Structure formats: structure tokens, C-alpha cells
Amino acid sequence: MTSEITWHKSSYSNGGTNCVEVAEGPTTHIRDTQHRAQAQLSVSGSEWNALLTALCSR
């Protein structure tokens, strides 16, 4: 499954290794950069957008 997903890090990570990576789409996948082979969190695109909107409004 993860081999078909295009992952990217946040521009705020400054190339570091202590961050998360996301693959956005109809389902958004989130994983820990240091533990890529371990579990991923998957949420709908609308849930991901709601989270980002809530975080940006703070």
C-alpha cells in the first residue's frame, strides 16, 4: 500500500528527521519520519482539512 503513496514532509521541518510525513488525497495518510515502517494514521481528506483549518486559526 505505501509503495503507491507519494509522501512529503512539511516545509516547516527544515529537512530534519523529527517530523511527520503526509500523503494527501481522498484519504490522507500520516506517519512518523523516523518510524516509517510502523503504523500509519489514515483520515478522510475532509477530516484532514478540518484539522489544518483548526490549527491555522489558533
PDB file of N, CA and C in Angstrom:
ATOM      1  N   MET A   1       0.818  -1.196   0.000  1.00  0.00           N
ATOM      2  CA  MET A   1       0.000   0.000   0.000  1.00  0.00           C
ATOM      3  C   MET A   1       0.859   1.257   0.000  1.00  0.00           C
ATOM      4  N   THR A   2       1.844   1.382   0.883  1.00  0.00           N
ATOM      5  CA  THR A   2       2.631   2.605   0.975  1.00  0.00           C
ATOM      6  C   THR A   2       3.519   2.831  -0.237  1.00  0.00           C
ATOM      7  N   SER A   3       3.819   1.789  -1.019  1.00  0.00           N
ATOM      8  CA  SER A   3       4.676   1.967  -2.184  1.00  0.00           C
ATOM      9  C   SER A   3       3.997   2.806  -3.264  1.00  0.00           C
ATOM     10  N   GLU A   4       2.677   2.896  -3.249  1.00  0.00           N
ATOM     11  CA  GLU A   4       1.942   3.662  -4.247  1.00  0.00           C
ATOM     12  C   GLU A   4       1.612   5.073  -3.770  1.00  0.00           C
ATOM     13  N   ILE A   5       1.997   5.407  -2.561  1.00  0.00           N
ATOM     14  CA  ILE A   5       1.658   6.696  -1.966  1.00  0.00           C
ATOM     15  C   ILE A   5       2.843   7.641  -2.115  1.00  0.00           C
ATOM     16  N   THR A   6       2.560   8.897  -2.453  1.00  0.00           N
ATOM     17  CA  THR A   6       3.599   9.911  -2.543  1.00  0.00           C
ATOM     18  C   THR A   6       3.617  10.710  -1.245  1.00  0.00           C
ATOM     19  N   TRP A   7       4.670  10.541  -0.480  1.00  0.00           N
ATOM     20  CA  TRP A   7       4.805  11.187   0.828  1.00  0.00           C
ATOM     21  C   TRP A   7       5.567  12.493   0.699  1.00  0.00           C
ATOM     22  N   HIS A   8       5.280  13.431   1.612  1.00  0.00           N
ATOM     23  CA  HIS A   8       6.074  14.662   1.692  1.00  0.00           C
ATOM     24  C   HIS A   8       6.115  15.144   3.131  1.00  0.00           C
ATOM     25  N   LYS A   9       7.191  15.877   3.443  1.00  0.00           N
ATOM     26  CA  LYS A   9       7.348  16.473   4.767  1.00  0.00           C
ATOM     27  C   LYS A   9       6.850  17.908   4.727  1.00  0.00           C
ATOM     28  N   SER A  10       6.513  18.402   5.867  1.00  0.00           N
ATOM     29  CA  SER A  10       6.118  19.797   5.987  1.00  0.00           C
ATOM     30  C   SER A  10       7.286  20.710   5.640  1.00  0.00           C
ATOM     31  N   SER A  11       6.996  21.847   5.067  1.00  0.00           N
ATOM     32  CA  SER A  11       8.050  22.826   4.794  1.00  0.00           C
ATOM     33  C   SER A  11       8.630  23.377   6.089  1.00  0.00           C
ATOM     34  N   TYR A  12       7.931  23.199   7.195  1.00  0.00           N
ATOM     35  CA  TYR A  12       8.409  23.653   8.496  1.00  0.00           C
ATOM     36  C   TYR A  12       9.428  22.697   9.112  1.00  0.00           C
ATOM     37  N   SER A  13       9.646  21.534   8.520  1.00  0.00           N
ATOM     38  CA  SER A  13      10.551  20.545   9.108  1.00  0.00           C
ATOM     39  C   SER A  13      12.020  20.886   8.882  1.00  0.00           C
ATOM     40  N   ASN A  14      12.325  21.781   7.954  1.00  0.00           N
ATOM     41  CA  ASN A  14      13.701  22.194   7.663  1.00  0.00           C
ATOM     42  C   ASN A  14      14.613  21.013   7.357  1.00  0.00           C
ATOM     43  N   GLY A  15      14.082  19.979   6.737  1.00  0.00           N
ATOM     44  CA  GLY A  15      14.890  18.827   6.366  1.00  0.00           C
ATOM     45  C   GLY A  15      15.272  17.931   7.530  1.00  0.00           C
ATOM     46  N   GLY A  16      14.714  18.174   8.697  1.00  0.00           N
ATOM     47  CA  GLY A  16      15.037  17.377   9.872  1.00  0.00           C
ATOM     48  C   GLY A  16      14.405  15.996   9.828  1.00  0.00           C
ATOM     49  N   THR A  17      14.750  15.194  10.813  1.00  0.00           N
ATOM     50  CA  THR A  17      14.206  13.843  10.874  1.00  0.00           C
ATOM     51  C   THR A  17      13.148  13.689  11.953  1.00  0.00           C
ATOM     52  N   ASN A  18      12.926  14.702  12.776  1.00  0.00           N
ATOM     53  CA  ASN A  18      11.922  14.641  13.837  1.00  0.00           C
ATOM     54  C   ASN A  18      10.642  15.311  13.370  1.00  0.00           C
ATOM     55  N   CYS A  19       9.963  14.668  12.443  1.00  0.00           N
ATOM     56  CA  CYS A  19       8.747  15.264  11.903  1.00  0.00           C
ATOM     57  C   CYS A  19       7.823  14.159  11.407  1.00  0.00           C
ATOM     58  N   VAL A  20       6.734  14.569  10.851  1.00  0.00           N
ATOM     59  CA  VAL A  20       5.806  13.627  10.243  1.00  0.00           C
ATOM     60  C   VAL A  20       5.790  13.851   8.742  1.00  0.00           C
ATOM     61  N   GLU A  21       5.348  12.839   8.034  1.00  0.00           N
ATOM     62  CA  GLU A  21       5.161  12.926   6.599  1.00  0.00           C
ATOM     63  C   GLU A  21       3.692  12.681   6.309  1.00  0.00           C
ATOM     64  N   VAL A  22       3.189  13.312   5.276  1.00  0.00           N
ATOM     65  CA  VAL A  22       1.801  13.109   4.890  1.00  0.00           C
ATOM     66  C   VAL A  22       1.731  12.775   3.404  1.00  0.00           C
ATOM     67  N   ALA A  23       0.681  12.087   3.050  1.00  0.00           N
ATOM     68  CA  ALA A  23       0.325  11.815   1.661  1.00  0.00           C
ATOM     69  C   ALA A  23      -1.142  12.208   1.552  1.00  0.00           C
ATOM     70  N   GLU A  24      -1.394  13.314   0.876  1.00  0.00           N
ATOM     71  CA  GLU A  24      -2.745  13.867   0.823  1.00  0.00           C
ATOM     72  C   GLU A  24      -3.504  13.375  -0.397  1.00  0.00           C
ATOM     73  N   GLY A  25      -4.792  13.213  -0.227  1.00  0.00           N
ATOM     74  CA  GLY A  25      -5.671  12.761  -1.289  1.00  0.00           C
ATOM     75  C   GLY A  25      -7.050  12.530  -0.703  1.00  0.00           C
ATOM     76  N   PRO A  26      -7.886  11.731  -1.348  1.00  0.00           N
ATOM     77  CA  PRO A  26      -9.204  11.423  -0.788  1.00  0.00           C
ATOM     78  C   PRO A  26      -9.077  10.850   0.626  1.00  0.00           C
ATOM     79  N   THR A  27      -8.020  10.061   0.835  1.00  0.00           N
ATOM     80  CA  THR A  27      -7.632   9.622   2.169  1.00  0.00           C
ATOM     81  C   THR A  27      -6.247  10.170   2.420  1.00  0.00           C
ATOM     82  N   THR A  28      -6.057  10.837   3.545  1.00  0.00           N
ATOM     83  CA  THR A  28      -4.755  11.390   3.897  1.00  0.00           C
ATOM     84  C   THR A  28      -4.073  10.444   4.866  1.00  0.00           C
ATOM     85  N   HIS A  29      -2.814  10.122   4.569  1.00  0.00           N
ATOM     86  CA  HIS A  29      -2.026   9.216   5.400  1.00  0.00           C
ATOM     87  C   HIS A  29      -0.965  10.032   6.126  1.00  0.00           C
ATOM     88  N   ILE A  30      -0.736   9.697   7.405  1.00  0.00           N
ATOM     89  CA  ILE A  30       0.234  10.404   8.230  1.00  0.00           C
ATOM     90  C   ILE A  30       1.133   9.354   8.878  1.00  0.00           C
ATOM     91  N   ARG A  31       2.454   9.607   8.863  1.00  0.00           N
ATOM     92  CA  ARG A  31       3.382   8.673   9.501  1.00  0.00           C
ATOM     93  C   ARG A  31       4.551   9.433  10.116  1.00  0.00           C
ATOM     94  N   ASP A  32       5.215   8.772  11.038  1.00  0.00           N
ATOM     95  CA  ASP A  32       6.406   9.303  11.699  1.00  0.00           C
ATOM     96  C   ASP A  32       7.607   9.088  10.788  1.00  0.00           C
ATOM     97  N   THR A  33       8.369  10.133  10.528  1.00  0.00           N
ATOM     98  CA  THR A  33       9.515  10.033   9.630  1.00  0.00           C
ATOM     99  C   THR A  33      10.554   9.036  10.135  1.00  0.00           C
ATOM    100  N   GLN A  34      10.762   8.971  11.439  1.00  0.00           N
ATOM    101  CA  GLN A  34      11.774   8.070  11.985  1.00  0.00           C
ATOM    102  C   GLN A  34      11.309   6.613  12.059  1.00  0.00           C
ATOM    103  N   HIS A  35      10.016   6.366  11.955  1.00  0.00           N
ATOM    104  CA  HIS A  35       9.482   5.017  12.076  1.00  0.00           C
ATOM    105  C   HIS A  35       8.510   4.733  10.930  1.00  0.00           C
ATOM    106  N   ARG A  36       8.986   4.882   9.727  1.00  0.00           N
ATOM    107  CA  ARG A  36       8.140   4.770   8.537  1.00  0.00           C
ATOM    108  C   ARG A  36       7.468   3.409   8.399  1.00  0.00           C
ATOM    109  N   ALA A  37       8.124   2.356   8.827  1.00  0.00           N
ATOM    110  CA  ALA A  37       7.582   1.009   8.644  1.00  0.00           C
ATOM    111  C   ALA A  37       6.499   0.678   9.673  1.00  0.00           C
ATOM    112  N   GLN A  38       6.387   1.496  10.701  1.00  0.00           N
ATOM    113  CA  GLN A  38       5.378   1.229  11.718  1.00  0.00           C
ATOM    114  C   GLN A  38       4.028   1.777  11.270  1.00  0.00           C
ATOM    115  N   ALA A  39       3.091   1.778  12.143  1.00  0.00           N
ATOM    116  CA  ALA A  39       1.704   2.147  11.823  1.00  0.00           C
ATOM    117  C   ALA A  39       1.575   3.548  11.235  1.00  0.00           C
ATOM    118  N   GLN A  40       0.549   3.698  10.426  1.00  0.00           N
ATOM    119  CA  GLN A  40       0.184   4.990   9.837  1.00  0.00           C
ATOM    120  C   GLN A  40      -1.200   5.366  10.334  1.00  0.00           C
ATOM    121  N   LEU A  41      -1.450   6.639  10.349  1.00  0.00           N
ATOM    122  CA  LEU A  41      -2.782   7.151  10.639  1.00  0.00           C
ATOM    123  C   LEU A  41      -3.394   7.540   9.303  1.00  0.00           C
ATOM    124  N   SER A  42      -4.627   7.135   9.070  1.00  0.00           N
ATOM    125  CA  SER A  42      -5.323   7.484   7.829  1.00  0.00           C
ATOM    126  C   SER A  42      -6.645   8.144   8.175  1.00  0.00           C
ATOM    127  N   VAL A  43      -6.903   9.300   7.560  1.00  0.00           N
ATOM    128  CA  VAL A  43      -8.144  10.039   7.790  1.00  0.00           C
ATOM    129  C   VAL A  43      -8.679  10.494   6.436  1.00  0.00           C
ATOM    130  N   SER A  44      -9.952  10.839   6.409  1.00  0.00           N
ATOM    131  CA  SER A  44     -10.515  11.333   5.155  1.00  0.00           C
ATOM    132  C   SER A  44      -9.917  12.705   4.834  1.00  0.00           C
ATOM    133  N   GLY A  45      -9.960  13.058   3.572  1.00  0.00           N
ATOM    134  CA  GLY A  45      -9.457  14.362   3.168  1.00  0.00           C
ATOM    135  C   GLY A  45     -10.171  15.500   3.877  1.00  0.00           C
ATOM    136  N   SER A  46     -11.481  15.362   4.095  1.00  0.00           N
ATOM    137  CA  SER A  46     -12.238  16.425   4.771  1.00  0.00           C
ATOM    138  C   SER A  46     -11.838  16.531   6.247  1.00  0.00           C
ATOM    139  N   GLU A  47     -11.539  15.400   6.888  1.00  0.00           N
ATOM    140  CA  GLU A  47     -11.071  15.449   8.279  1.00  0.00           C
ATOM    141  C   GLU A  47      -9.703  16.115   8.366  1.00  0.00           C
ATOM    142  N   TRP A  48      -8.836  15.818   7.426  1.00  0.00           N
ATOM    143  CA  TRP A  48      -7.503  16.430   7.391  1.00  0.00           C
ATOM    144  C   TRP A  48      -7.624  17.944   7.195  1.00  0.00           C
ATOM    145  N   ASN A  49      -8.474  18.362   6.266  1.00  0.00           N
ATOM    146  CA  ASN A  49      -8.679  19.796   6.040  1.00  0.00           C
ATOM    147  C   ASN A  49      -9.249  20.480   7.278  1.00  0.00           C
ATOM    148  N   ALA A  50     -10.155  19.818   7.981  1.00  0.00           N
ATOM    149  CA  ALA A  50     -10.724  20.382   9.203  1.00  0.00           C
ATOM    150  C   ALA A  50      -9.647  20.558  10.269  1.00  0.00           C
ATOM    151  N   LEU A  51      -8.750  19.580  10.396  1.00  0.00           N
ATOM    152  CA  LEU A  51      -7.659  19.685  11.361  1.00  0.00           C
ATOM    153  C   LEU A  51      -6.746  20.853  11.017  1.00  0.00           C
ATOM    154  N   LEU A  52      -6.345  20.957   9.755  1.00  0.00           N
ATOM    155  CA  LEU A  52      -5.468  22.053   9.349  1.00  0.00           C
ATOM    156  C   LEU A  52      -6.130  23.412   9.544  1.00  0.00           C
ATOM    157  N   THR A  53      -7.405  23.501   9.228  1.00  0.00           N
ATOM    158  CA  THR A  53      -8.138  24.767   9.428  1.00  0.00           C
ATOM    159  C   THR A  53      -8.161  25.140  10.902  1.00  0.00           C
ATOM    160  N   ALA A  54      -8.436  24.160  11.768  1.00  0.00           N
ATOM    161  CA  ALA A  54      -8.476  24.426  13.202  1.00  0.00           C
ATOM    162  C   ALA A  54      -7.099  24.852  13.721  1.00  0.00           C
ATOM    163  N   LEU A  55      -6.038  24.200  13.256  1.00  0.00           N
ATOM    164  CA  LEU A  55      -4.695  24.552  13.706  1.00  0.00           C
ATOM    165  C   LEU A  55      -4.268  25.930  13.218  1.00  0.00           C
ATOM    166  N   CYS A  56      -4.622  26.259  11.997  1.00  0.00           N
ATOM    167  CA  CYS A  56      -4.231  27.559  11.424  1.00  0.00           C
ATOM    168  C   CYS A  56      -5.019  28.715  12.031  1.00  0.00           C
ATOM    169  N   SER A  57      -6.164  28.434  12.609  1.00  0.00           N
ATOM    170  CA  SER A  57      -6.973  29.514  13.169  1.00  0.00           C
ATOM    171  C   SER A  57      -6.554  29.871  14.582  1.00  0.00           C
ATOM    172  N   ARG A  58      -5.628  29.158  15.136  1.00  0.00           N
ATOM    173  CA  ARG A  58      -5.158  29.420  16.515  1.00  0.00           C
ATOM    174  C   ARG A  58      -4.130  30.493  16.542  1.00  0.00           C
TER     175      ARG A  58
END
